[in-house]
Amino acid sequence: MSLADLPPRQIAYFVPDIREAALAHHRQFGSGPFFVIDHVALSRSEHRGTPRPLDHSSAYGQWGGLMVEFVQQHNPDPSAYHDMYPAGGTGLHHVALFVGDLGAALAEHAAAGNQTAQYAVTTTGTAFAFVDTTRSLGHMLELYEPSPGLTGFYAMVAAAADGWDGSDPIRTINL
């Protein structure tokens, strides 16, 4: 797998308040609308190989041809987010890529010296992982396989932005 063959699908920021950050981004760049998922439901979560709870919420919107995500973590436990931003820091956290085989991609990154910082599975069955590439890239990579549910979500966010008039920029959804 070559990273050159994997276009970025999303850029994500770790923030203290996803709604506030999404609104500020919308005002500055015209991005959105943003779809908020509070307390993303996970069936599994591991931080650096150790099972740990990860209570987080995300706001997803379209920024030109790219999805932008704002993430906040509600619990104080160790996580890939807290690895980069302990004690309330905020900033660019990851770029997301679709991979054909998540296990093979993680093994390839591990062989190159990039640890899996977080591995999780949503209750809808989507597995994702954060690979710690902070030394080489300055941020993490989020990897996941493009399932119909995931690509459908990306398509829904992009379609909502197409011709959007700027009204109702923050929309809460339940998955």
C-alpha atoms as a PDB file:
ATOM      1  CA  MET A   1       0.000   0.000   0.000  1.00  0.00           C
ATOM      2  CA  SER A   2       1.335   3.389  -0.956  1.00  0.00           C
ATOM      3  CA  LEU A   3      -0.021   6.486   0.752  1.00  0.00           C
ATOM      4  CA  ALA A   4       0.264   8.182  -2.647  1.00  0.00           C
ATOM      5  CA  ASP A   5      -2.561   5.924  -3.859  1.00  0.00           C
ATOM      6  CA  LEU A   6      -4.901   6.895  -0.995  1.00  0.00           C
ATOM      7  CA  PRO A   7      -6.615  10.284  -1.393  1.00  0.00           C
ATOM      8  CA  PRO A   8      -7.560  12.107   1.807  1.00  0.00           C
ATOM      9  CA  ARG A   9     -11.242  11.626   2.648  1.00  0.00           C
ATOM     10  CA  GLN A  10     -11.427  13.800   5.739  1.00  0.00           C
ATOM     11  CA  ILE A  11      -9.470  16.234   7.870  1.00  0.00           C
ATOM     12  CA  ALA A  12     -10.282  16.315  11.579  1.00  0.00           C
ATOM     13  CA  TYR A  13      -9.653  18.663  14.475  1.00  0.00           C
ATOM     14  CA  PHE A  14      -9.748  17.949  18.198  1.00  0.00           C
ATOM     15  CA  VAL A  15     -11.691  20.714  19.958  1.00  0.00           C
ATOM     16  CA  PRO A  16     -13.372  21.395  23.313  1.00  0.00           C
ATOM     17  CA  ASP A  17     -16.817  22.050  21.757  1.00  0.00           C
ATOM     18  CA  ILE A  18     -17.765  20.541  18.391  1.00  0.00           C
ATOM     19  CA  ARG A  19     -20.798  22.745  17.799  1.00  0.00           C
ATOM     20  CA  GLU A  20     -18.883  25.945  18.507  1.00  0.00           C
ATOM     21  CA  ALA A  21     -15.973  24.832  16.294  1.00  0.00           C
ATOM     22  CA  ALA A  22     -18.275  23.791  13.445  1.00  0.00           C
ATOM     23  CA  LEU A  23     -20.105  27.120  13.553  1.00  0.00           C
ATOM     24  CA  ALA A  24     -16.829  29.064  13.571  1.00  0.00           C
ATOM     25  CA  HIS A  25     -15.546  27.025  10.604  1.00  0.00           C
ATOM     26  CA  HIS A  26     -18.833  27.569   8.764  1.00  0.00           C
ATOM     27  CA  ARG A  27     -18.646  31.328   9.341  1.00  0.00           C
ATOM     28  CA  GLN A  28     -15.039  31.533   8.176  1.00  0.00           C
ATOM     29  CA  PHE A  29     -15.065  29.078   5.259  1.00  0.00           C
ATOM     30  CA  GLY A  30     -18.728  28.474   4.352  1.00  0.00           C
ATOM     31  CA  SER A  31     -18.374  24.782   5.216  1.00  0.00           C
ATOM     32  CA  GLY A  32     -21.287  22.600   6.214  1.00  0.00           C
ATOM     33  CA  PRO A  33     -23.929  21.797   7.027  1.00  0.00           C
ATOM     34  CA  PHE A  34     -22.562  19.845   9.985  1.00  0.00           C
ATOM     35  CA  PHE A  35     -24.107  16.627  11.206  1.00  0.00           C
ATOM     36  CA  VAL A  36     -23.496  16.033  14.912  1.00  0.00           C
ATOM     37  CA  ILE A  37     -23.376  12.616  16.508  1.00  0.00           C
ATOM     38  CA  ASP A  38     -23.292  12.938  20.287  1.00  0.00           C
ATOM     39  CA  HIS A  39     -21.542  10.184  22.232  1.00  0.00           C
ATOM     40  CA  VAL A  40     -20.624   7.957  19.270  1.00  0.00           C
ATOM     41  CA  ALA A  41     -21.645   4.430  20.263  1.00  0.00           C
ATOM     42  CA  LEU A  42     -18.738   1.961  20.275  1.00  0.00           C
ATOM     43  CA  SER A  43     -18.799  -1.775  20.820  1.00  0.00           C
ATOM     44  CA  ARG A  44     -15.012  -1.914  21.220  1.00  0.00           C
ATOM     45  CA  SER A  45     -12.230   0.548  21.969  1.00  0.00           C
ATOM     46  CA  GLU A  46      -8.519  -0.011  22.570  1.00  0.00           C
ATOM     47  CA  HIS A  47      -5.868   2.583  23.218  1.00  0.00           C
ATOM     48  CA  ARG A  48      -2.412   1.277  22.284  1.00  0.00           C
ATOM     49  CA  GLY A  49      -3.622  -2.306  22.716  1.00  0.00           C
ATOM     50  CA  THR A  50      -5.362  -1.808  26.071  1.00  0.00           C
ATOM     51  CA  PRO A  51      -9.174  -1.806  26.272  1.00  0.00           C
ATOM     52  CA  ARG A  52     -10.271   1.680  27.333  1.00  0.00           C
ATOM     53  CA  PRO A  53     -13.536   3.582  27.103  1.00  0.00           C
ATOM     54  CA  LEU A  54     -13.726   6.320  24.478  1.00  0.00           C
ATOM     55  CA  ASP A  55     -16.667   8.669  24.918  1.00  0.00           C
ATOM     56  CA  HIS A  56     -16.545  11.186  22.086  1.00  0.00           C
ATOM     57  CA  SER A  57     -18.837  13.261  19.891  1.00  0.00           C
ATOM     58  CA  SER A  58     -18.229  14.423  16.335  1.00  0.00           C
ATOM     59  CA  ALA A  59     -19.539  17.034  13.907  1.00  0.00           C
ATOM     60  CA  TYR A  60     -19.140  16.182  10.198  1.00  0.00           C
ATOM     61  CA  GLY A  61     -19.492  18.707   7.386  1.00  0.00           C
ATOM     62  CA  GLN A  62     -18.332  19.300   3.843  1.00  0.00           C
ATOM     63  CA  TRP A  63     -15.524  21.748   3.100  1.00  0.00           C
ATOM     64  CA  GLY A  64     -15.245  21.919  -0.670  1.00  0.00           C
ATOM     65  CA  GLY A  65     -14.441  18.401  -1.850  1.00  0.00           C
ATOM     66  CA  LEU A  66     -13.327  17.196   1.578  1.00  0.00           C
ATOM     67  CA  MET A  67     -15.195  16.203   4.716  1.00  0.00           C
ATOM     68  CA  VAL A  68     -14.158  18.130   7.827  1.00  0.00           C
ATOM     69  CA  GLU A  69     -14.736  16.676  11.288  1.00  0.00           C
ATOM     70  CA  PHE A  70     -14.608  18.243  14.728  1.00  0.00           C
ATOM     71  CA  VAL A  71     -14.149  15.841  17.645  1.00  0.00           C
ATOM     72  CA  GLN A  72     -14.415  16.291  21.381  1.00  0.00           C
ATOM     73  CA  GLN A  73     -13.736  13.653  24.012  1.00  0.00           C
ATOM     74  CA  HIS A  74     -15.965  13.607  27.085  1.00  0.00           C
ATOM     75  CA  ASN A  75     -14.072  11.165  29.326  1.00  0.00           C
ATOM     76  CA  PRO A  76     -10.579  11.710  30.759  1.00  0.00           C
ATOM     77  CA  ASP A  77      -9.216   8.279  29.769  1.00  0.00           C
ATOM     78  CA  PRO A  78      -6.099   7.870  27.609  1.00  0.00           C
ATOM     79  CA  SER A  79      -6.865   7.983  23.889  1.00  0.00           C
ATOM     80  CA  ALA A  80      -5.358   8.882  20.546  1.00  0.00           C
ATOM     81  CA  TYR A  81      -6.875  12.347  21.033  1.00  0.00           C
ATOM     82  CA  HIS A  82      -5.258  12.816  24.434  1.00  0.00           C
ATOM     83  CA  ASP A  83      -1.952  11.475  23.086  1.00  0.00           C
ATOM     84  CA  MET A  84      -1.709  14.565  20.899  1.00  0.00           C
ATOM     85  CA  TYR A  85      -3.647  17.035  23.043  1.00  0.00           C
ATOM     86  CA  PRO A  86      -3.325  16.389  26.758  1.00  0.00           C
ATOM     87  CA  ALA A  87      -4.614  18.923  29.249  1.00  0.00           C
ATOM     88  CA  GLY A  88      -7.138  20.617  26.997  1.00  0.00           C
ATOM     89  CA  GLY A  89      -5.048  21.230  23.876  1.00  0.00           C
ATOM     90  CA  THR A  90      -6.734  21.571  20.504  1.00  0.00           C
ATOM     91  CA  GLY A  91      -5.778  21.413  16.845  1.00  0.00           C
ATOM     92  CA  LEU A  92      -5.414  19.252  13.755  1.00  0.00           C
ATOM     93  CA  HIS A  93      -5.664  15.620  14.845  1.00  0.00           C
ATOM     94  CA  HIS A  94      -5.911  13.368  11.804  1.00  0.00           C
ATOM     95  CA  VAL A  95      -6.449  12.874   8.106  1.00  0.00           C
ATOM     96  CA  ALA A  96      -8.703   9.952   7.202  1.00  0.00           C
ATOM     97  CA  LEU A  97      -7.993   7.471   4.423  1.00  0.00           C
ATOM     98  CA  PHE A  98      -9.974   4.518   3.058  1.00  0.00           C
ATOM     99  CA  VAL A  99      -7.939   1.307   2.859  1.00  0.00           C
ATOM    100  CA  GLY A 100      -8.804  -1.986   1.200  1.00  0.00           C
ATOM    101  CA  ASP A 101      -7.855  -4.112   4.202  1.00  0.00           C
ATOM    102  CA  LEU A 102      -7.611  -2.467   7.623  1.00  0.00           C
ATOM    103  CA  GLY A 103      -5.661  -5.308   9.245  1.00  0.00           C
ATOM    104  CA  ALA A 104      -3.092  -5.388   6.449  1.00  0.00           C
ATOM    105  CA  ALA A 105      -2.725  -1.590   6.512  1.00  0.00           C
ATOM    106  CA  LEU A 106      -2.163  -1.601  10.287  1.00  0.00           C
ATOM    107  CA  ALA A 107       0.424  -4.374   9.939  1.00  0.00           C
ATOM    108  CA  GLU A 108       2.220  -2.414   7.221  1.00  0.00           C
ATOM    109  CA  HIS A 109       2.278   0.718   9.380  1.00  0.00           C
ATOM    110  CA  ALA A 110       3.517  -1.265  12.383  1.00  0.00           C
ATOM    111  CA  ALA A 111       6.357  -2.699  10.271  1.00  0.00           C
ATOM    112  CA  ALA A 112       7.275   0.880   9.348  1.00  0.00           C
ATOM    113  CA  GLY A 113       7.346   1.893  13.037  1.00  0.00           C
ATOM    114  CA  ASN A 114       3.942   3.593  13.210  1.00  0.00           C
ATOM    115  CA  GLN A 115       1.948   2.257  16.177  1.00  0.00           C
ATOM    116  CA  THR A 116      -1.803   1.843  16.243  1.00  0.00           C
ATOM    117  CA  ALA A 117      -2.780   4.488  18.789  1.00  0.00           C
ATOM    118  CA  GLN A 118      -6.509   3.667  18.835  1.00  0.00           C
ATOM    119  CA  TYR A 119      -8.620   0.865  17.422  1.00  0.00           C
ATOM    120  CA  ALA A 120     -12.379   0.987  17.761  1.00  0.00           C
ATOM    121  CA  VAL A 121     -15.549  -0.479  16.314  1.00  0.00           C
ATOM    122  CA  THR A 122     -18.867   1.357  16.244  1.00  0.00           C
ATOM    123  CA  THR A 123     -22.051  -0.449  17.239  1.00  0.00           C
ATOM    124  CA  THR A 124     -23.010  -0.352  13.546  1.00  0.00           C
ATOM    125  CA  GLY A 125     -19.878  -2.408  12.775  1.00  0.00           C
ATOM    126  CA  THR A 126     -17.511   0.178  11.310  1.00  0.00           C
ATOM    127  CA  ALA A 127     -13.942  -0.427  12.479  1.00  0.00           C
ATOM    128  CA  PHE A 128     -11.481   2.458  12.474  1.00  0.00           C
ATOM    129  CA  ALA A 129      -7.958   2.973  13.676  1.00  0.00           C
ATOM    130  CA  PHE A 130      -5.672   5.891  14.375  1.00  0.00           C
ATOM    131  CA  VAL A 131      -2.087   5.281  13.335  1.00  0.00           C
ATOM    132  CA  ASP A 132       0.452   7.431  15.147  1.00  0.00           C
ATOM    133  CA  THR A 133       2.281   9.269  12.371  1.00  0.00           C
ATOM    134  CA  THR A 134       2.867  12.394  14.422  1.00  0.00           C
ATOM    135  CA  ARG A 135       6.663  12.175  14.119  1.00  0.00           C
ATOM    136  CA  SER A 136       6.601  11.992  10.328  1.00  0.00           C
ATOM    137  CA  LEU A 137       3.421  13.920   9.439  1.00  0.00           C
ATOM    138  CA  GLY A 138       2.602  16.048  12.475  1.00  0.00           C
ATOM    139  CA  HIS A 139      -0.792  14.370  12.851  1.00  0.00           C
ATOM    140  CA  MET A 140      -2.340  10.924  12.999  1.00  0.00           C
ATOM    141  CA  LEU A 141      -3.887   8.966  10.158  1.00  0.00           C
ATOM    142  CA  GLU A 142      -7.338   7.471  10.549  1.00  0.00           C
ATOM    143  CA  LEU A 143      -7.815   4.323   8.500  1.00  0.00           C
ATOM    144  CA  TYR A 144     -10.997   2.457   7.677  1.00  0.00           C
ATOM    145  CA  GLU A 145     -12.432   0.187   5.037  1.00  0.00           C
ATOM    146  CA  PRO A 146     -15.057   1.820   2.781  1.00  0.00           C
ATOM    147  CA  SER A 147     -18.207  -0.121   3.732  1.00  0.00           C
ATOM    148  CA  PRO A 148     -21.589   0.798   2.181  1.00  0.00           C
ATOM    149  CA  GLY A 149     -22.682   2.421   5.464  1.00  0.00           C
ATOM    150  CA  LEU A 150     -19.552   4.536   5.696  1.00  0.00           C
ATOM    151  CA  THR A 151     -19.468   5.626   2.058  1.00  0.00           C
ATOM    152  CA  GLY A 152     -23.207   6.292   2.263  1.00  0.00           C
ATOM    153  CA  PHE A 153     -22.618   8.616   5.217  1.00  0.00           C
ATOM    154  CA  TYR A 154     -19.868  10.470   3.344  1.00  0.00           C
ATOM    155  CA  ALA A 155     -22.182  10.776   0.320  1.00  0.00           C
ATOM    156  CA  MET A 156     -25.053  12.101   2.496  1.00  0.00           C
ATOM    157  CA  VAL A 157     -22.821  14.802   4.014  1.00  0.00           C
ATOM    158  CA  ALA A 158     -21.521  15.831   0.568  1.00  0.00           C
ATOM    159  CA  ALA A 159     -25.023  15.857  -0.955  1.00  0.00           C
ATOM    160  CA  ALA A 160     -26.332  18.084   1.858  1.00  0.00           C
ATOM    161  CA  ALA A 161     -23.660  20.648   0.992  1.00  0.00           C
ATOM    162  CA  ASP A 162     -24.488  20.653  -2.712  1.00  0.00           C
ATOM    163  CA  GLY A 163     -26.521  23.816  -3.310  1.00  0.00           C
ATOM    164  CA  TRP A 164     -26.886  24.412   0.436  1.00  0.00           C
ATOM    165  CA  ASP A 165     -28.133  27.916   1.285  1.00  0.00           C
ATOM    166  CA  GLY A 166     -26.289  28.182   4.612  1.00  0.00           C
ATOM    167  CA  SER A 167     -29.365  27.732   6.798  1.00  0.00           C
ATOM    168  CA  ASP A 168     -29.502  25.266   9.706  1.00  0.00           C
ATOM    169  CA  PRO A 169     -25.706  24.756   9.838  1.00  0.00           C
ATOM    170  CA  ILE A 170     -25.726  22.366  12.834  1.00  0.00           C
ATOM    171  CA  ARG A 171     -27.934  19.274  12.667  1.00  0.00           C
ATOM    172  CA  THR A 172     -28.004  16.578  15.331  1.00  0.00           C
ATOM    173  CA  ILE A 173     -28.523  13.023  14.082  1.00  0.00           C
ATOM    174  CA  ASN A 174     -28.877   9.707  15.862  1.00  0.00           C
ATOM    175  CA  LEU A 175     -27.235   6.568  14.542  1.00  0.00           C
END
